Amino acid sequence: MADPRIRQLFIKTGVVKRLTKEKTVCEKEIVTEQTRLEKLKTSGADDHSVRKQEEVIQECLMMLPDAIRRLQKELEQLEKMLQDEQDLNEAKEYATATQVISEAKEVLSHNL
């Protein structure tokens, strides 16, 4: 990894990978918390517990748009870097970045 461009590609790829995972985890957490809320409602839990669970869901829902925005921004930067540095297409980091981009686009296309 003598070329500094490869190092930058590696770093940007890692950022997109992390943000993709963050969005996925956030969506899973929302589903989990909604399931927990339904269980509370069906079991006849007190109003305080139900309200608190609804607050937890609202907090999770507020985090999702930020995660999507940051992922889109970093994804655009990585795509631009790949376009600008096409001479690196023989490097394994370039192939990894291409794969991470396709995974990120797949995750972005899925919404709750």
N, C-alpha and C. Protein backbone atom coordinates (compact mmCIF):
# COMPACT_ATOMS: atom_id res chain seq x y z
N MET A 1 0.82 -1.17 0.00
CA MET A 1 0.00 0.00 0.00
C MET A 1 0.87 1.25 0.00
N ALA A 2 1.82 1.30 -0.90
CA ALA A 2 2.75 2.43 -0.99
C ALA A 2 2.06 3.67 -1.54
N ASP A 3 1.11 3.49 -2.43
CA ASP A 3 0.41 4.61 -3.05
C ASP A 3 -0.59 5.21 -2.05
N PRO A 4 -0.48 6.51 -1.77
CA PRO A 4 -1.42 7.13 -0.81
C PRO A 4 -2.87 7.10 -1.29
N ARG A 5 -3.07 7.02 -2.60
CA ARG A 5 -4.44 6.94 -3.12
C ARG A 5 -5.09 5.62 -2.70
N ILE A 6 -4.31 4.56 -2.67
CA ILE A 6 -4.86 3.26 -2.25
C ILE A 6 -5.26 3.32 -0.78
N ARG A 7 -4.42 3.98 0.02
CA ARG A 7 -4.75 4.13 1.44
C ARG A 7 -6.06 4.90 1.61
N GLN A 8 -6.23 6.00 0.86
CA GLN A 8 -7.46 6.78 0.93
C GLN A 8 -8.66 5.94 0.47
N LEU A 9 -8.46 5.15 -0.56
CA LEU A 9 -9.52 4.27 -1.05
C LEU A 9 -9.91 3.27 0.02
N PHE A 10 -8.92 2.72 0.70
CA PHE A 10 -9.15 1.77 1.78
C PHE A 10 -9.95 2.41 2.91
N ILE A 11 -9.58 3.63 3.28
CA ILE A 11 -10.26 4.34 4.37
C ILE A 11 -11.70 4.67 3.99
N LYS A 12 -11.89 5.21 2.80
CA LYS A 12 -13.24 5.58 2.36
C LYS A 12 -14.14 4.36 2.23
N THR A 13 -13.56 3.25 1.78
CA THR A 13 -14.32 2.00 1.67
C THR A 13 -14.77 1.55 3.06
N GLY A 14 -13.88 1.65 4.03
CA GLY A 14 -14.23 1.28 5.40
C GLY A 14 -15.34 2.13 5.98
N VAL A 15 -15.30 3.43 5.66
CA VAL A 15 -16.34 4.34 6.15
C VAL A 15 -17.69 3.96 5.57
N VAL A 16 -17.75 3.71 4.28
CA VAL A 16 -19.02 3.33 3.64
C VAL A 16 -19.51 2.00 4.21
N LYS A 17 -18.61 1.08 4.42
CA LYS A 17 -18.97 -0.22 4.98
C LYS A 17 -19.58 -0.05 6.38
N ARG A 18 -18.94 0.77 7.20
CA ARG A 18 -19.43 1.01 8.57
C ARG A 18 -20.79 1.68 8.56
N LEU A 19 -20.97 2.69 7.70
CA LEU A 19 -22.25 3.40 7.65
C LEU A 19 -23.37 2.51 7.09
N THR A 20 -23.01 1.61 6.18
CA THR A 20 -24.00 0.66 5.67
C THR A 20 -24.48 -0.23 6.81
N LYS A 21 -23.55 -0.71 7.59
CA LYS A 21 -23.90 -1.55 8.73
C LYS A 21 -24.72 -0.76 9.76
N GLU A 22 -24.36 0.49 9.97
CA GLU A 22 -25.08 1.33 10.93
C GLU A 22 -26.54 1.49 10.52
N LYS A 23 -26.79 1.72 9.24
CA LYS A 23 -28.17 1.86 8.77
C LYS A 23 -28.94 0.56 8.95
N THR A 24 -28.30 -0.56 8.64
CA THR A 24 -28.95 -1.86 8.79
C THR A 24 -29.29 -2.14 10.25
N VAL A 25 -28.35 -1.87 11.13
CA VAL A 25 -28.57 -2.10 12.56
C VAL A 25 -29.68 -1.19 13.08
N CYS A 26 -29.71 0.03 12.63
CA CYS A 26 -30.74 0.98 13.05
C CYS A 26 -32.13 0.48 12.64
N GLU A 27 -32.25 -0.01 11.44
CA GLU A 27 -33.53 -0.54 10.97
C GLU A 27 -33.94 -1.78 11.76
N LYS A 28 -32.98 -2.64 12.04
CA LYS A 28 -33.29 -3.84 12.84
C LYS A 28 -33.74 -3.45 14.24
N GLU A 29 -33.10 -2.44 14.81
CA GLU A 29 -33.46 -1.99 16.15
C GLU A 29 -34.89 -1.44 16.16
N ILE A 30 -35.28 -0.73 15.13
CA ILE A 30 -36.63 -0.19 15.05
C ILE A 30 -37.65 -1.33 15.03
N VAL A 31 -37.38 -2.34 14.23
CA VAL A 31 -38.28 -3.49 14.14
C VAL A 31 -38.37 -4.21 15.50
N THR A 32 -37.22 -4.39 16.13
CA THR A 32 -37.18 -5.05 17.44
C THR A 32 -37.99 -4.28 18.48
N GLU A 33 -37.79 -2.96 18.50
CA GLU A 33 -38.49 -2.13 19.48
C GLU A 33 -39.99 -2.08 19.20
N GLN A 34 -40.39 -2.10 17.92
CA GLN A 34 -41.81 -2.12 17.60
C GLN A 34 -42.45 -3.44 18.03
N THR A 35 -41.71 -4.52 17.87
CA THR A 35 -42.19 -5.82 18.34
C THR A 35 -42.36 -5.82 19.85
N ARG A 36 -41.39 -5.25 20.54
CA ARG A 36 -41.45 -5.15 22.00
C ARG A 36 -42.67 -4.31 22.42
N LEU A 37 -42.95 -3.24 21.69
CA LEU A 37 -44.10 -2.40 22.00
C LEU A 37 -45.40 -3.19 21.84
N GLU A 38 -45.51 -3.94 20.77
CA GLU A 38 -46.71 -4.75 20.56
C GLU A 38 -46.90 -5.77 21.68
N LYS A 39 -45.80 -6.37 22.13
CA LYS A 39 -45.89 -7.33 23.24
C LYS A 39 -46.37 -6.63 24.51
N LEU A 40 -45.85 -5.42 24.74
CA LEU A 40 -46.29 -4.67 25.92
C LEU A 40 -47.78 -4.37 25.85
N LYS A 41 -48.24 -3.97 24.68
CA LYS A 41 -49.66 -3.63 24.53
C LYS A 41 -50.55 -4.86 24.71
N THR A 42 -50.14 -5.98 24.14
CA THR A 42 -50.97 -7.19 24.23
C THR A 42 -50.94 -7.80 25.62
N SER A 43 -49.85 -7.59 26.35
CA SER A 43 -49.77 -8.14 27.70
C SER A 43 -50.44 -7.23 28.73
N GLY A 44 -50.91 -6.09 28.28
CA GLY A 44 -51.61 -5.17 29.19
C GLY A 44 -50.68 -4.43 30.12
N ALA A 45 -49.50 -4.06 29.64
CA ALA A 45 -48.55 -3.32 30.47
C ALA A 45 -49.10 -1.94 30.81
N ASP A 46 -48.55 -1.35 31.88
CA ASP A 46 -49.04 -0.04 32.30
C ASP A 46 -48.71 1.03 31.25
N ASP A 47 -49.43 2.13 31.33
CA ASP A 47 -49.29 3.21 30.34
C ASP A 47 -47.88 3.79 30.31
N HIS A 48 -47.24 3.87 31.45
CA HIS A 48 -45.90 4.44 31.52
C HIS A 48 -44.91 3.61 30.68
N SER A 49 -44.99 2.29 30.81
CA SER A 49 -44.08 1.42 30.04
C SER A 49 -44.33 1.55 28.54
N VAL A 50 -45.59 1.63 28.17
CA VAL A 50 -45.94 1.77 26.75
C VAL A 50 -45.43 3.09 26.21
N ARG A 51 -45.61 4.18 26.96
CA ARG A 51 -45.13 5.49 26.52
C ARG A 51 -43.62 5.51 26.39
N LYS A 52 -42.94 4.92 27.34
CA LYS A 52 -41.47 4.87 27.29
C LYS A 52 -41.00 4.09 26.06
N GLN A 53 -41.68 3.00 25.77
CA GLN A 53 -41.31 2.21 24.60
C GLN A 53 -41.56 2.99 23.32
N GLU A 54 -42.63 3.75 23.28
CA GLU A 54 -42.91 4.60 22.12
C GLU A 54 -41.83 5.66 21.96
N GLU A 55 -41.33 6.20 23.07
CA GLU A 55 -40.24 7.17 23.02
C GLU A 55 -38.97 6.54 22.46
N VAL A 56 -38.70 5.31 22.85
CA VAL A 56 -37.52 4.61 22.34
C VAL A 56 -37.63 4.45 20.83
N ILE A 57 -38.80 4.08 20.36
CA ILE A 57 -39.02 3.91 18.92
C ILE A 57 -38.84 5.25 18.20
N GLN A 58 -39.34 6.33 18.76
CA GLN A 58 -39.19 7.65 18.14
C GLN A 58 -37.73 8.06 18.05
N GLU A 59 -36.95 7.75 19.09
CA GLU A 59 -35.52 8.05 19.05
C GLU A 59 -34.83 7.27 17.95
N CYS A 60 -35.19 6.01 17.80
CA CYS A 60 -34.60 5.19 16.74
C CYS A 60 -34.97 5.74 15.36
N LEU A 61 -36.23 6.14 15.23
CA LEU A 61 -36.69 6.69 13.95
C LEU A 61 -36.00 8.00 13.61
N MET A 62 -35.62 8.76 14.63
CA MET A 62 -34.92 10.03 14.39
C MET A 62 -33.48 9.79 13.96
N MET A 63 -32.89 8.69 14.36
CA MET A 63 -31.51 8.39 13.99
C MET A 63 -31.39 7.90 12.54
N LEU A 64 -32.43 7.28 12.03
CA LEU A 64 -32.38 6.69 10.70
C LEU A 64 -32.11 7.70 9.58
N PRO A 65 -32.80 8.83 9.50
CA PRO A 65 -32.51 9.78 8.41
C PRO A 65 -31.06 10.28 8.41
N ASP A 66 -30.50 10.48 9.60
CA ASP A 66 -29.12 10.92 9.70
C ASP A 66 -28.18 9.84 9.17
N ALA A 67 -28.45 8.59 9.53
CA ALA A 67 -27.61 7.49 9.05
C ALA A 67 -27.68 7.39 7.52
N ILE A 68 -28.87 7.56 6.97
CA ILE A 68 -29.04 7.50 5.51
C ILE A 68 -28.31 8.66 4.84
N ARG A 69 -28.45 9.85 5.39
CA ARG A 69 -27.79 11.03 4.81
C ARG A 69 -26.27 10.86 4.79
N ARG A 70 -25.71 10.42 5.92
CA ARG A 70 -24.26 10.25 5.99
C ARG A 70 -23.79 9.15 5.04
N LEU A 71 -24.55 8.07 4.93
CA LEU A 71 -24.18 6.99 4.02
C LEU A 71 -24.21 7.48 2.57
N GLN A 72 -25.24 8.21 2.19
CA GLN A 72 -25.33 8.73 0.83
C GLN A 72 -24.16 9.65 0.51
N LYS A 73 -23.80 10.50 1.45
CA LYS A 73 -22.70 11.44 1.24
C LYS A 73 -21.39 10.70 1.03
N GLU A 74 -21.09 9.76 1.90
CA GLU A 74 -19.83 9.01 1.79
C GLU A 74 -19.82 8.11 0.57
N LEU A 75 -20.97 7.57 0.22
CA LEU A 75 -21.07 6.72 -0.97
C LEU A 75 -20.76 7.53 -2.22
N GLU A 76 -21.29 8.74 -2.30
CA GLU A 76 -21.00 9.61 -3.44
C GLU A 76 -19.51 9.92 -3.53
N GLN A 77 -18.89 10.18 -2.39
CA GLN A 77 -17.46 10.48 -2.39
C GLN A 77 -16.63 9.28 -2.84
N LEU A 78 -17.01 8.10 -2.40
CA LEU A 78 -16.29 6.89 -2.80
C LEU A 78 -16.47 6.64 -4.29
N GLU A 79 -17.68 6.81 -4.79
CA GLU A 79 -17.92 6.62 -6.23
C GLU A 79 -17.10 7.61 -7.06
N LYS A 80 -17.04 8.85 -6.60
CA LYS A 80 -16.26 9.86 -7.32
C LYS A 80 -14.78 9.49 -7.30
N MET A 81 -14.31 9.00 -6.17
CA MET A 81 -12.91 8.61 -6.09
C MET A 81 -12.61 7.47 -7.06
N LEU A 82 -13.51 6.52 -7.15
CA LEU A 82 -13.30 5.41 -8.09
C LEU A 82 -13.27 5.91 -9.53
N GLN A 83 -14.11 6.87 -9.85
CA GLN A 83 -14.11 7.43 -11.19
C GLN A 83 -12.82 8.18 -11.48
N ASP A 84 -12.34 8.92 -10.48
CA ASP A 84 -11.12 9.71 -10.66
C ASP A 84 -9.86 8.85 -10.69
N GLU A 85 -9.89 7.71 -10.02
CA GLU A 85 -8.70 6.87 -9.88
C GLU A 85 -8.87 5.53 -10.59
N GLN A 86 -9.36 5.56 -11.80
CA GLN A 86 -9.59 4.31 -12.53
C GLN A 86 -8.30 3.57 -12.86
N ASP A 87 -7.19 4.26 -12.79
CA ASP A 87 -5.92 3.57 -13.05
C ASP A 87 -5.56 2.60 -11.92
N LEU A 88 -6.27 2.66 -10.82
CA LEU A 88 -6.04 1.74 -9.70
C LEU A 88 -6.91 0.49 -9.79
N ASN A 89 -7.62 0.32 -10.91
CA ASN A 89 -8.59 -0.78 -10.99
C ASN A 89 -7.97 -2.17 -10.88
N GLU A 90 -6.67 -2.28 -10.92
CA GLU A 90 -6.01 -3.57 -10.74
C GLU A 90 -5.80 -3.89 -9.26
N ALA A 91 -5.91 -2.91 -8.40
CA ALA A 91 -5.69 -3.10 -6.96
C ALA A 91 -6.89 -3.81 -6.34
N LYS A 92 -6.59 -4.65 -5.35
CA LYS A 92 -7.68 -5.37 -4.69
C LYS A 92 -8.59 -4.41 -3.92
N GLU A 93 -8.04 -3.29 -3.46
CA GLU A 93 -8.83 -2.29 -2.75
C GLU A 93 -9.90 -1.68 -3.66
N TYR A 94 -9.57 -1.56 -4.95
CA TYR A 94 -10.53 -1.02 -5.93
C TYR A 94 -11.70 -2.00 -6.08
N ALA A 95 -11.38 -3.28 -6.18
CA ALA A 95 -12.44 -4.29 -6.30
C ALA A 95 -13.30 -4.34 -5.04
N THR A 96 -12.66 -4.24 -3.89
CA THR A 96 -13.39 -4.23 -2.63
C THR A 96 -14.31 -3.02 -2.56
N ALA A 97 -13.81 -1.87 -2.97
CA ALA A 97 -14.62 -0.65 -2.97
C ALA A 97 -15.84 -0.79 -3.88
N THR A 98 -15.64 -1.40 -5.03
CA THR A 98 -16.75 -1.62 -5.96
C THR A 98 -17.82 -2.51 -5.33
N GLN A 99 -17.39 -3.54 -4.64
CA GLN A 99 -18.33 -4.45 -3.99
C GLN A 99 -19.07 -3.74 -2.85
N VAL A 100 -18.35 -2.96 -2.06
CA VAL A 100 -18.96 -2.22 -0.95
C VAL A 100 -19.98 -1.21 -1.49
N ILE A 101 -19.68 -0.59 -2.61
CA ILE A 101 -20.62 0.36 -3.22
C ILE A 101 -21.92 -0.34 -3.60
N SER A 102 -21.81 -1.50 -4.22
CA SER A 102 -23.03 -2.21 -4.62
C SER A 102 -23.83 -2.66 -3.40
N GLU A 103 -23.15 -3.09 -2.33
CA GLU A 103 -23.85 -3.47 -1.10
C GLU A 103 -24.54 -2.26 -0.48
N ALA A 104 -23.86 -1.12 -0.47
CA ALA A 104 -24.44 0.09 0.12
C ALA A 104 -25.67 0.53 -0.68
N LYS A 105 -25.60 0.46 -1.98
CA LYS A 105 -26.75 0.85 -2.81
C LYS A 105 -27.92 -0.08 -2.54
N GLU A 106 -27.63 -1.35 -2.35
CA GLU A 106 -28.68 -2.33 -2.04
C GLU A 106 -29.35 -1.98 -0.71
N VAL A 107 -28.55 -1.65 0.30
CA VAL A 107 -29.08 -1.28 1.62
C VAL A 107 -29.87 0.02 1.53
N LEU A 108 -29.39 0.98 0.75
CA LEU A 108 -30.11 2.25 0.60
C LEU A 108 -31.45 2.08 -0.11
N SER A 109 -31.53 1.08 -0.98
CA SER A 109 -32.78 0.88 -1.72
C SER A 109 -33.87 0.27 -0.83
N HIS A 110 -33.49 -0.32 0.29
CA HIS A 110 -34.44 -0.90 1.22
C HIS A 110 -34.81 0.13 2.28
N ASN A 111 -36.05 0.40 2.42
CA ASN A 111 -36.52 1.31 3.45
C ASN A 111 -37.59 0.60 4.26
N LEU A 112 -37.75 1.06 5.50
CA LEU A 112 -38.75 0.45 6.39
C LEU A 112 -40.14 0.64 5.85
